Amino acid sequence: MSISKTEAKQLLERLIFDDARPHDWVQDVWGLSPILGDSAAKLVEVFEALIECCPQEKLENLLQTFYQEDLE
């Protein structure tokens, strides 16, 4: 089954951030510790950049390792 980059991003966000949106997660971490909040913000930036530059096939392969039954 083929999935779009948008769908791949949504699945990865749910996997990493549970039910929170990434930027809400950053704010939560920032509230606990500004130093960790800065690192969390950088992490979300890199996550979004990786999604954009990663080929769709690689994203699908990555997701299949976590959601094997759901994507087949």
Protein backbone atom coordinates (compact mmCIF):
# COMPACT_ATOMS: atom_id res chain seq x y z
CA MET A 1 0.00 0.00 0.00
CA SER A 2 1.38 3.38 -1.01
CA ILE A 3 1.09 6.33 1.36
CA SER A 4 1.71 10.00 0.74
CA LYS A 5 4.33 12.07 2.53
CA THR A 6 1.52 13.83 4.39
CA GLU A 7 0.15 10.52 5.65
CA ALA A 8 3.65 9.33 6.54
CA LYS A 9 4.28 12.52 8.50
CA GLN A 10 1.00 12.13 10.39
CA LEU A 11 1.77 8.50 11.27
CA LEU A 12 5.28 9.36 12.43
CA GLU A 13 3.96 12.29 14.48
CA ARG A 14 1.50 9.96 16.24
CA LEU A 15 4.27 7.45 16.85
CA ILE A 16 6.66 10.02 18.31
CA PHE A 17 4.40 12.60 19.95
CA ASP A 18 1.34 10.45 20.79
CA ASP A 19 -1.77 12.65 20.64
CA ALA A 20 0.06 15.97 20.96
CA ARG A 21 0.92 18.15 18.02
CA PRO A 22 4.72 18.54 17.72
CA HIS A 23 4.67 22.27 18.49
CA ASP A 24 2.41 21.73 21.51
CA TRP A 25 4.85 19.07 22.71
CA VAL A 26 7.69 21.60 22.38
CA GLN A 27 5.74 24.09 24.50
CA ASP A 28 5.10 21.43 27.15
CA VAL A 29 8.80 20.56 27.29
CA TRP A 30 9.71 24.25 27.31
CA GLY A 31 7.46 24.74 30.33
CA LEU A 32 9.40 22.07 32.20
CA SER A 33 12.84 23.31 31.21
CA PRO A 34 13.88 26.06 28.79
CA ILE A 35 17.12 24.22 27.99
CA LEU A 36 15.25 21.03 27.11
CA GLY A 37 12.60 23.10 25.32
CA ASP A 38 15.26 24.53 23.02
CA SER A 39 16.46 21.00 22.24
CA ALA A 40 12.87 19.86 21.66
CA ALA A 41 12.31 22.73 19.21
CA LYS A 42 15.45 21.76 17.28
CA LEU A 43 14.32 18.14 17.24
CA VAL A 44 10.96 19.07 15.70
CA GLU A 45 12.72 21.26 13.10
CA VAL A 46 14.99 18.37 12.10
CA PHE A 47 12.04 15.95 12.07
CA GLU A 48 10.14 18.18 9.64
CA ALA A 49 13.22 18.68 7.43
CA LEU A 50 13.84 14.93 7.30
CA ILE A 51 10.26 14.26 6.25
CA GLU A 52 10.62 16.79 3.44
CA CYS A 53 13.93 15.52 2.09
CA CYS A 54 13.35 11.79 2.59
CA PRO A 55 12.05 9.89 -0.47
CA GLN A 56 8.52 8.55 -0.10
CA GLU A 57 9.72 4.96 -0.50
CA LYS A 58 12.12 5.31 2.44
CA LEU A 59 9.34 6.77 4.61
CA GLU A 60 7.10 3.83 3.72
CA ASN A 61 9.87 1.35 4.60
CA LEU A 62 10.43 3.07 7.93
CA LEU A 63 6.75 3.04 8.75
CA GLN A 64 6.40 -0.61 7.81
CA THR A 65 8.87 -1.51 10.57
CA PHE A 66 6.50 0.07 13.12
CA TYR A 67 3.09 -0.54 11.54
CA GLN A 68 3.64 -3.78 9.66
CA GLU A 69 0.12 -5.23 9.88
CA ASP A 70 -1.65 -1.89 9.34
CA LEU A 71 0.14 -1.01 6.08
CA GLU A 72 0.02 -4.38 4.35
